[in-house]
PDB file of N, CA and C in Angstrom:
ATOM      1  N   MET A   1       0.822  -1.192   0.000  1.00  0.00           N
ATOM      2  CA  MET A   1       0.000   0.000   0.000  1.00  0.00           C
ATOM      3  C   MET A   1       0.867   1.258   0.000  1.00  0.00           C
ATOM      4  N   TRP A   2       1.905   1.231   0.824  1.00  0.00           N
ATOM      5  CA  TRP A   2       2.774   2.401   0.920  1.00  0.00           C
ATOM      6  C   TRP A   2       3.457   2.687  -0.407  1.00  0.00           C
ATOM      7  N   ARG A   3       3.885   1.619  -1.103  1.00  0.00           N
ATOM      8  CA  ARG A   3       4.574   1.776  -2.379  1.00  0.00           C
ATOM      9  C   ARG A   3       3.637   2.387  -3.427  1.00  0.00           C
ATOM     10  N   LYS A   4       2.393   1.967  -3.418  1.00  0.00           N
ATOM     11  CA  LYS A   4       1.412   2.486  -4.370  1.00  0.00           C
ATOM     12  C   LYS A   4       1.154   3.973  -4.112  1.00  0.00           C
ATOM     13  N   ASP A   5       1.013   4.367  -2.853  1.00  0.00           N
ATOM     14  CA  ASP A   5       0.800   5.774  -2.514  1.00  0.00           C
ATOM     15  C   ASP A   5       1.997   6.623  -2.927  1.00  0.00           C
ATOM     16  N   ARG A   6       3.182   6.083  -2.715  1.00  0.00           N
ATOM     17  CA  ARG A   6       4.398   6.812  -3.097  1.00  0.00           C
ATOM     18  C   ARG A   6       4.465   7.004  -4.611  1.00  0.00           C
ATOM     19  N   LYS A   7       4.083   5.953  -5.349  1.00  0.00           N
ATOM     20  CA  LYS A   7       4.094   6.036  -6.810  1.00  0.00           C
ATOM     21  C   LYS A   7       3.071   7.061  -7.300  1.00  0.00           C
ATOM     22  N   LEU A   8       1.879   7.072  -6.700  1.00  0.00           N
ATOM     23  CA  LEU A   8       0.859   8.032  -7.086  1.00  0.00           C
ATOM     24  C   LEU A   8       1.280   9.461  -6.767  1.00  0.00           C
ATOM     25  N   SER A   9       1.907   9.671  -5.617  1.00  0.00           N
ATOM     26  CA  SER A   9       2.343  11.022  -5.277  1.00  0.00           C
ATOM     27  C   SER A   9       3.455  11.489  -6.206  1.00  0.00           C
ATOM     28  N   LYS A  10       4.312  10.564  -6.620  1.00  0.00           N
ATOM     29  CA  LYS A  10       5.364  10.923  -7.581  1.00  0.00           C
ATOM     30  C   LYS A  10       4.743  11.299  -8.931  1.00  0.00           C
ATOM     31  N   MET A  11       3.729  10.531  -9.369  1.00  0.00           N
ATOM     32  CA  MET A  11       3.054  10.847 -10.622  1.00  0.00           C
ATOM     33  C   MET A  11       2.327  12.182 -10.526  1.00  0.00           C
ATOM     34  N   ALA A  12       1.713  12.459  -9.385  1.00  0.00           N
ATOM     35  CA  ALA A  12       1.018  13.729  -9.196  1.00  0.00           C
ATOM     36  C   ALA A  12       2.006  14.888  -9.234  1.00  0.00           C
ATOM     37  N   GLU A  13       3.169  14.712  -8.640  1.00  0.00           N
ATOM     38  CA  GLU A  13       4.189  15.757  -8.653  1.00  0.00           C
ATOM     39  C   GLU A  13       4.706  16.004 -10.071  1.00  0.00           C
ATOM     40  N   GLU A  14       4.891  14.927 -10.836  1.00  0.00           N
ATOM     41  CA  GLU A  14       5.331  15.072 -12.227  1.00  0.00           C
ATOM     42  C   GLU A  14       4.261  15.776 -13.057  1.00  0.00           C
ATOM     43  N   LEU A  15       2.999  15.464 -12.791  1.00  0.00           N
ATOM     44  CA  LEU A  15       1.908  16.121 -13.512  1.00  0.00           C
ATOM     45  C   LEU A  15       1.852  17.613 -13.183  1.00  0.00           C
ATOM     46  N   LYS A  16       2.071  17.959 -11.925  1.00  0.00           N
ATOM     47  CA  LYS A  16       2.118  19.370 -11.537  1.00  0.00           C
ATOM     48  C   LYS A  16       3.245  20.093 -12.250  1.00  0.00           C
ATOM     49  N   ASP A  17       4.414  19.447 -12.316  1.00  0.00           N
ATOM     50  CA  ASP A  17       5.548  20.058 -13.017  1.00  0.00           C
ATOM     51  C   ASP A  17       5.243  20.248 -14.497  1.00  0.00           C
ATOM     52  N   THR A  18       4.590  19.264 -15.089  1.00  0.00           N
ATOM     53  CA  THR A  18       4.232  19.361 -16.503  1.00  0.00           C
ATOM     54  C   THR A  18       3.298  20.532 -16.746  1.00  0.00           C
ATOM     55  N   PHE A  19       2.274  20.670 -15.915  1.00  0.00           N
ATOM     56  CA  PHE A  19       1.348  21.794 -16.071  1.00  0.00           C
ATOM     57  C   PHE A  19       2.037  23.124 -15.799  1.00  0.00           C
ATOM     58  N   ARG A  20       2.917  23.150 -14.823  1.00  0.00           N
ATOM     59  CA  ARG A  20       3.609  24.386 -14.473  1.00  0.00           C
ATOM     60  C   ARG A  20       4.502  24.859 -15.613  1.00  0.00           C
ATOM     61  N   GLU A  21       5.185  23.927 -16.270  1.00  0.00           N
ATOM     62  CA  GLU A  21       6.121  24.298 -17.330  1.00  0.00           C
ATOM     63  C   GLU A  21       5.446  24.457 -18.693  1.00  0.00           C
ATOM     64  N   GLY A  22       4.396  23.700 -18.947  1.00  0.00           N
ATOM     65  CA  GLY A  22       3.837  23.690 -20.287  1.00  0.00           C
ATOM     66  C   GLY A  22       2.408  24.156 -20.396  1.00  0.00           C
ATOM     67  N   TRP A  23       1.953  25.022 -19.487  1.00  0.00           N
ATOM     68  CA  TRP A  23       0.552  25.440 -19.511  1.00  0.00           C
ATOM     69  C   TRP A  23       0.211  26.235 -20.760  1.00  0.00           C
ATOM     70  N   GLN A  24       1.209  26.866 -21.390  1.00  0.00           N
ATOM     71  CA  GLN A  24       0.923  27.636 -22.604  1.00  0.00           C
ATOM     72  C   GLN A  24       0.464  26.731 -23.746  1.00  0.00           C
ATOM     73  N   GLY A  25       0.881  25.481 -23.703  1.00  0.00           N
ATOM     74  CA  GLY A  25       0.497  24.544 -24.746  1.00  0.00           C
ATOM     75  C   GLY A  25      -0.975  24.187 -24.741  1.00  0.00           C
ATOM     76  N   PHE A  26      -1.666  24.494 -23.662  1.00  0.00           N
ATOM     77  CA  PHE A  26      -3.095  24.201 -23.591  1.00  0.00           C
ATOM     78  C   PHE A  26      -3.949  25.254 -24.281  1.00  0.00           C
ATOM     79  N   TRP A  27      -3.393  26.407 -24.566  1.00  0.00           N
ATOM     80  CA  TRP A  27      -4.191  27.465 -25.188  1.00  0.00           C
ATOM     81  C   TRP A  27      -4.651  27.097 -26.587  1.00  0.00           C
ATOM     82  N   LEU A  28      -3.784  26.475 -27.393  1.00  0.00           N
ATOM     83  CA  LEU A  28      -4.157  26.159 -28.763  1.00  0.00           C
ATOM     84  C   LEU A  28      -5.334  25.185 -28.831  1.00  0.00           C
ATOM     85  N   PRO A  29      -5.330  24.076 -28.091  1.00  0.00           N
ATOM     86  CA  PRO A  29      -6.529  23.222 -28.123  1.00  0.00           C
ATOM     87  C   PRO A  29      -7.783  23.916 -27.601  1.00  0.00           C
ATOM     88  N   ILE A  30      -7.621  24.779 -26.610  1.00  0.00           N
ATOM     89  CA  ILE A  30      -8.778  25.517 -26.097  1.00  0.00           C
ATOM     90  C   ILE A  30      -9.317  26.462 -27.161  1.00  0.00           C
ATOM     91  N   ILE A  31      -8.408  27.165 -27.843  1.00  0.00           N
ATOM     92  CA  ILE A  31      -8.828  28.084 -28.903  1.00  0.00           C
ATOM     93  C   ILE A  31      -9.526  27.331 -30.021  1.00  0.00           C
ATOM     94  N   ILE A  32      -9.057  26.133 -30.327  1.00  0.00           N
ATOM     95  CA  ILE A  32      -9.654  25.353 -31.410  1.00  0.00           C
ATOM     96  C   ILE A  32     -10.994  24.761 -30.992  1.00  0.00           C
ATOM     97  N   LEU A  33     -11.055  24.155 -29.825  1.00  0.00           N
ATOM     98  CA  LEU A  33     -12.232  23.374 -29.453  1.00  0.00           C
ATOM     99  C   LEU A  33     -13.355  24.163 -28.795  1.00  0.00           C
ATOM    100  N   LEU A  34     -13.031  25.191 -28.028  1.00  0.00           N
ATOM    101  CA  LEU A  34     -14.060  25.902 -27.275  1.00  0.00           C
ATOM    102  C   LEU A  34     -15.174  26.478 -28.149  1.00  0.00           C
ATOM    103  N   PRO A  35     -14.882  27.160 -29.257  1.00  0.00           N
ATOM    104  CA  PRO A  35     -15.998  27.671 -30.076  1.00  0.00           C
ATOM    105  C   PRO A  35     -16.895  26.569 -30.619  1.00  0.00           C
ATOM    106  N   PHE A  36     -16.313  25.425 -30.990  1.00  0.00           N
ATOM    107  CA  PHE A  36     -17.134  24.328 -31.490  1.00  0.00           C
ATOM    108  C   PHE A  36     -17.991  23.717 -30.386  1.00  0.00           C
ATOM    109  N   ILE A  37     -17.429  23.625 -29.188  1.00  0.00           N
ATOM    110  CA  ILE A  37     -18.202  23.101 -28.059  1.00  0.00           C
ATOM    111  C   ILE A  37     -19.348  24.039 -27.721  1.00  0.00           C
ATOM    112  N   LEU A  38     -19.057  25.337 -27.675  1.00  0.00           N
ATOM    113  CA  LEU A  38     -20.122  26.310 -27.395  1.00  0.00           C
ATOM    114  C   LEU A  38     -21.192  26.280 -28.479  1.00  0.00           C
ATOM    115  N   ASP A  39     -20.766  26.165 -29.726  1.00  0.00           N
ATOM    116  CA  ASP A  39     -21.725  26.097 -30.832  1.00  0.00           C
ATOM    117  C   ASP A  39     -22.590  24.848 -30.722  1.00  0.00           C
ATOM    118  N   TYR A  40     -21.988  23.730 -30.349  1.00  0.00           N
ATOM    119  CA  TYR A  40     -22.738  22.480 -30.235  1.00  0.00           C
ATOM    120  C   TYR A  40     -23.785  22.558 -29.123  1.00  0.00           C
ATOM    121  N   PHE A  41     -23.396  23.072 -27.964  1.00  0.00           N
ATOM    122  CA  PHE A  41     -24.306  23.075 -26.831  1.00  0.00           C
ATOM    123  C   PHE A  41     -25.335  24.203 -26.871  1.00  0.00           C
ATOM    124  N   PHE A  42     -24.988  25.344 -27.441  1.00  0.00           N
ATOM    125  CA  PHE A  42     -25.872  26.504 -27.378  1.00  0.00           C
ATOM    126  C   PHE A  42     -26.434  26.943 -28.729  1.00  0.00           C
ATOM    127  N   LYS A  43     -26.241  26.142 -29.776  1.00  0.00           N
ATOM    128  CA  LYS A  43     -26.683  26.538 -31.107  1.00  0.00           C
ATOM    129  C   LYS A  43     -28.192  26.779 -31.158  1.00  0.00           C
ATOM    130  N   PHE A  44     -28.948  25.906 -30.559  1.00  0.00           N
ATOM    131  CA  PHE A  44     -30.408  25.999 -30.674  1.00  0.00           C
ATOM    132  C   PHE A  44     -31.037  26.810 -29.550  1.00  0.00           C
ATOM    133  N   THR A  45     -30.243  27.305 -28.644  1.00  0.00           N
ATOM    134  CA  THR A  45     -30.806  28.109 -27.561  1.00  0.00           C
ATOM    135  C   THR A  45     -30.280  29.538 -27.628  1.00  0.00           C
ATOM    136  N   VAL A  46     -29.075  29.741 -27.178  1.00  0.00           N
ATOM    137  CA  VAL A  46     -28.526  31.095 -27.061  1.00  0.00           C
ATOM    138  C   VAL A  46     -28.272  31.722 -28.431  1.00  0.00           C
ATOM    139  N   PHE A  47     -27.561  31.006 -29.297  1.00  0.00           N
ATOM    140  CA  PHE A  47     -27.191  31.590 -30.583  1.00  0.00           C
ATOM    141  C   PHE A  47     -28.403  31.800 -31.486  1.00  0.00           C
ATOM    142  N   THR A  48     -29.356  30.881 -31.457  1.00  0.00           N
ATOM    143  CA  THR A  48     -30.557  31.048 -32.279  1.00  0.00           C
ATOM    144  C   THR A  48     -31.388  32.219 -31.767  1.00  0.00           C
ATOM    145  N   ALA A  49     -31.471  32.379 -30.458  1.00  0.00           N
ATOM    146  CA  ALA A  49     -32.238  33.491 -29.896  1.00  0.00           C
ATOM    147  C   ALA A  49     -31.581  34.828 -30.231  1.00  0.00           C
ATOM    148  N   ARG A  50     -30.259  34.876 -30.226  1.00  0.00           N
ATOM    149  CA  ARG A  50     -29.562  36.145 -30.475  1.00  0.00           C
ATOM    150  C   ARG A  50     -29.405  36.443 -31.965  1.00  0.00           C
ATOM    151  N   LEU A  51     -29.126  35.399 -32.762  1.00  0.00           N
ATOM    152  CA  LEU A  51     -28.804  35.616 -34.166  1.00  0.00           C
ATOM    153  C   LEU A  51     -29.912  35.209 -35.130  1.00  0.00           C
ATOM    154  N   GLY A  52     -30.889  34.489 -34.665  1.00  0.00           N
ATOM    155  CA  GLY A  52     -31.921  33.955 -35.541  1.00  0.00           C
ATOM    156  C   GLY A  52     -31.469  32.615 -36.107  1.00  0.00           C
ATOM    157  N   LYS A  53     -32.375  31.932 -36.787  1.00  0.00           N
ATOM    158  CA  LYS A  53     -32.076  30.601 -37.307  1.00  0.00           C
ATOM    159  C   LYS A  53     -30.969  30.635 -38.349  1.00  0.00           C
ATOM    160  N   ASP A  54     -31.066  31.565 -39.287  1.00  0.00           N
ATOM    161  CA  ASP A  54     -30.030  31.657 -40.328  1.00  0.00           C
ATOM    162  C   ASP A  54     -28.701  32.128 -39.755  1.00  0.00           C
ATOM    163  N   GLY A  55     -28.748  33.041 -38.807  1.00  0.00           N
ATOM    164  CA  GLY A  55     -27.515  33.523 -38.191  1.00  0.00           C
ATOM    165  C   GLY A  55     -26.776  32.423 -37.454  1.00  0.00           C
ATOM    166  N   ALA A  56     -27.500  31.564 -36.753  1.00  0.00           N
ATOM    167  CA  ALA A  56     -26.871  30.449 -36.041  1.00  0.00           C
ATOM    168  C   ALA A  56     -26.262  29.466 -37.033  1.00  0.00           C
ATOM    169  N   LYS A  57     -26.932  29.256 -38.149  1.00  0.00           N
ATOM    170  CA  LYS A  57     -26.408  28.350 -39.177  1.00  0.00           C
ATOM    171  C   LYS A  57     -25.118  28.912 -39.770  1.00  0.00           C
ATOM    172  N   TYR A  58     -25.116  30.189 -40.094  1.00  0.00           N
ATOM    173  CA  TYR A  58     -23.927  30.787 -40.709  1.00  0.00           C
ATOM    174  C   TYR A  58     -22.804  30.986 -39.694  1.00  0.00           C
ATOM    175  N   MET A  59     -23.127  31.074 -38.423  1.00  0.00           N
ATOM    176  CA  MET A  59     -22.077  31.166 -37.424  1.00  0.00           C
ATOM    177  C   MET A  59     -21.269  29.878 -37.385  1.00  0.00           C
ATOM    178  N   SER A  60     -21.932  28.738 -37.547  1.00  0.00           N
ATOM    179  CA  SER A  60     -21.212  27.465 -37.588  1.00  0.00           C
ATOM    180  C   SER A  60     -20.245  27.433 -38.764  1.00  0.00           C
ATOM    181  N   LEU A  61     -20.681  27.899 -39.892  1.00  0.00           N
ATOM    182  CA  LEU A  61     -19.793  27.952 -41.061  1.00  0.00           C
ATOM    183  C   LEU A  61     -18.654  28.937 -40.842  1.00  0.00           C
ATOM    184  N   PHE A  62     -18.950  30.063 -40.232  1.00  0.00           N
ATOM    185  CA  PHE A  62     -17.925  31.055 -39.926  1.00  0.00           C
ATOM    186  C   PHE A  62     -16.871  30.476 -38.991  1.00  0.00           C
ATOM    187  N   LEU A  63     -17.302  29.703 -38.001  1.00  0.00           N
ATOM    188  CA  LEU A  63     -16.356  29.100 -37.062  1.00  0.00           C
ATOM    189  C   LEU A  63     -15.375  28.179 -37.768  1.00  0.00           C
ATOM    190  N   LEU A  64     -15.866  27.388 -38.710  1.00  0.00           N
ATOM    191  CA  LEU A  64     -14.977  26.490 -39.441  1.00  0.00           C
ATOM    192  C   LEU A  64     -13.890  27.260 -40.172  1.00  0.00           C
ATOM    193  N   ILE A  65     -14.242  28.373 -40.770  1.00  0.00           N
ATOM    194  CA  ILE A  65     -13.264  29.175 -41.516  1.00  0.00           C
ATOM    195  C   ILE A  65     -12.368  29.951 -40.565  1.00  0.00           C
ATOM    196  N   PHE A  66     -12.945  30.595 -39.580  1.00  0.00           N
ATOM    197  CA  PHE A  66     -12.192  31.466 -38.674  1.00  0.00           C
ATOM    198  C   PHE A  66     -11.196  30.698 -37.822  1.00  0.00           C
ATOM    199  N   ILE A  67     -11.605  29.556 -37.283  1.00  0.00           N
ATOM    200  CA  ILE A  67     -10.719  28.778 -36.415  1.00  0.00           C
ATOM    201  C   ILE A  67      -9.539  28.241 -37.214  1.00  0.00           C
ATOM    202  N   GLY A  68      -9.761  27.827 -38.436  1.00  0.00           N
ATOM    203  CA  GLY A  68      -8.647  27.385 -39.287  1.00  0.00           C
ATOM    204  C   GLY A  68      -7.627  28.488 -39.497  1.00  0.00           C
ATOM    205  N   GLY A  69      -8.098  29.702 -39.753  1.00  0.00           N
ATOM    206  CA  GLY A  69      -7.193  30.840 -39.901  1.00  0.00           C
ATOM    207  C   GLY A  69      -6.483  31.191 -38.607  1.00  0.00           C
ATOM    208  N   LEU A  70      -7.198  31.118 -37.514  1.00  0.00           N
ATOM    209  CA  LEU A  70      -6.602  31.421 -36.212  1.00  0.00           C
ATOM    210  C   LEU A  70      -5.502  30.421 -35.852  1.00  0.00           C
ATOM    211  N   VAL A  71      -5.730  29.162 -36.152  1.00  0.00           N
ATOM    212  CA  VAL A  71      -4.714  28.143 -35.890  1.00  0.00           C
ATOM    213  C   VAL A  71      -3.504  28.349 -36.795  1.00  0.00           C
ATOM    214  N   SER A  72      -3.732  28.738 -38.025  1.00  0.00           N
ATOM    215  CA  SER A  72      -2.612  29.013 -38.934  1.00  0.00           C
ATOM    216  C   SER A  72      -1.767  30.176 -38.427  1.00  0.00           C
ATOM    217  N   ILE A  73      -2.422  31.227 -37.968  1.00  0.00           N
ATOM    218  CA  ILE A  73      -1.690  32.372 -37.411  1.00  0.00           C
ATOM    219  C   ILE A  73      -0.927  31.954 -36.156  1.00  0.00           C
ATOM    220  N   SER A  74      -1.550  31.139 -35.333  1.00  0.00           N
ATOM    221  CA  SER A  74      -0.869  30.648 -34.128  1.00  0.00           C
ATOM    222  C   SER A  74       0.360  29.835 -34.487  1.00  0.00           C
ATOM    223  N   ALA A  75       0.264  29.015 -35.518  1.00  0.00           N
ATOM    224  CA  ALA A  75       1.410  28.211 -35.944  1.00  0.00           C
ATOM    225  C   ALA A  75       2.556  29.106 -36.425  1.00  0.00           C
ATOM    226  N   VAL A  76       2.230  30.173 -37.147  1.00  0.00           N
ATOM    227  CA  VAL A  76       3.263  31.104 -37.608  1.00  0.00           C
ATOM    228  C   VAL A  76       3.923  31.805 -36.416  1.00  0.00           C
ATOM    229  N   ILE A  77       3.130  32.219 -35.449  1.00  0.00           N
ATOM    230  CA  ILE A  77       3.686  32.884 -34.256  1.00  0.00           C
ATOM    231  C   ILE A  77       4.594  31.933 -33.486  1.00  0.00           C
ATOM    232  N   ILE A  78       4.163  30.683 -33.332  1.00  0.00           N
ATOM    233  CA  ILE A  78       4.985  29.704 -32.629  1.00  0.00           C
ATOM    234  C   ILE A  78       6.286  29.462 -33.375  1.00  0.00           C
ATOM    235  N   LYS A  79       6.224  29.385 -34.705  1.00  0.00           N
ATOM    236  CA  LYS A  79       7.433  29.174 -35.485  1.00  0.00           C
ATOM    237  C   LYS A  79       8.370  30.363 -35.355  1.00  0.00           C
ATOM    238  N   GLU A  80       7.822  31.569 -35.389  1.00  0.00           N
ATOM    239  CA  GLU A  80       8.651  32.763 -35.237  1.00  0.00           C
ATOM    240  C   GLU A  80       9.284  32.817 -33.847  1.00  0.00           C
ATOM    241  N   ARG A  81       8.550  32.434 -32.848  1.00  0.00           N
ATOM    242  CA  ARG A  81       9.056  32.515 -31.477  1.00  0.00           C
ATOM    243  C   ARG A  81      10.142  31.480 -31.216  1.00  0.00           C
ATOM    244  N   TYR A  82       9.956  30.268 -31.705  1.00  0.00           N
ATOM    245  CA  TYR A  82      10.901  29.195 -31.394  1.00  0.00           C
ATOM    246  C   TYR A  82      11.889  28.921 -32.521  1.00  0.00           C
ATOM    247  N   GLY A  83      11.768  29.609 -33.629  1.00  0.00           N
ATOM    248  CA  GLY A  83      12.787  29.535 -34.672  1.00  0.00           C
ATOM    249  C   GLY A  83      12.567  28.490 -35.736  1.00  0.00           C
ATOM    250  N   CYS A  84      12.128  27.319 -35.389  1.00  0.00           N
ATOM    251  CA  CYS A  84      11.920  26.296 -36.401  1.00  0.00           C
ATOM    252  C   CYS A  84      10.841  25.345 -35.925  1.00  0.00           C
ATOM    253  N   ALA A  85      10.309  24.637 -36.861  1.00  0.00           N
ATOM    254  CA  ALA A  85       9.295  23.638 -36.538  1.00  0.00           C
ATOM    255  C   ALA A  85       9.743  22.312 -37.118  1.00  0.00           C
ATOM    256  N   ASN A  86       9.657  21.272 -36.361  1.00  0.00           N
ATOM    257  CA  ASN A  86      10.027  19.954 -36.818  1.00  0.00           C
ATOM    258  C   ASN A  86       8.755  19.205 -37.186  1.00  0.00           C
ATOM    259  N   LEU A  87       8.538  19.061 -38.475  1.00  0.00           N
ATOM    260  CA  LEU A  87       7.321  18.405 -38.946  1.00  0.00           C
ATOM    261  C   LEU A  87       7.605  16.994 -39.454  1.00  0.00           C
ATOM    262  N   HIS A  88       8.800  16.501 -39.228  1.00  0.00           N
ATOM    263  CA  HIS A  88       9.164  15.169 -39.706  1.00  0.00           C
ATOM    264  C   HIS A  88       8.546  14.115 -38.815  1.00  0.00           C
ATOM    265  N   MET A  89       8.023  13.097 -39.467  1.00  0.00           N
ATOM    266  CA  MET A  89       7.441  11.999 -38.720  1.00  0.00           C
ATOM    267  C   MET A  89       8.244  10.743 -39.032  1.00  0.00           C
ATOM    268  N   ASP A  90       8.750  10.128 -38.017  1.00  0.00           N
ATOM    269  CA  ASP A  90       9.490   8.878 -38.200  1.00  0.00           C
ATOM    270  C   ASP A  90       8.514   7.717 -38.149  1.00  0.00           C
ATOM    271  N   LEU A  91       8.340   7.092 -39.282  1.00  0.00           N
ATOM    272  CA  LEU A  91       7.419   5.961 -39.343  1.00  0.00           C
ATOM    273  C   LEU A  91       8.179   4.673 -39.442  1.00  0.00           C
TER     274      LEU A  91
END
C-alpha cells in the first residue's frame, strides 16, 4: 500500500511540473475546441435566440473558416518565437 501511494504522489508531482512548465500549450486546443463546443451546446438556444435561425447556421460555417485561420496564425507565431518547426514523422 505504501509503495502504491508513493508512486501516485510521484506521478502527481510530475503532472504538476508538466502543467507548471507547459501550460501555454493548452491554449491552442482551447482556442480550437471551445468555439465548437459552445456552438454544439448553445446553437439551438442562445445563438438562435440572439442571431436567428439563419444567423446560427452561418455562425457554424464562420467558425470552421475562422478557427482554421486562427490556428494558422498561431502556428506562424509559434514558429517565429521558437525559430523552427520539426514536422518530420518517423514511421
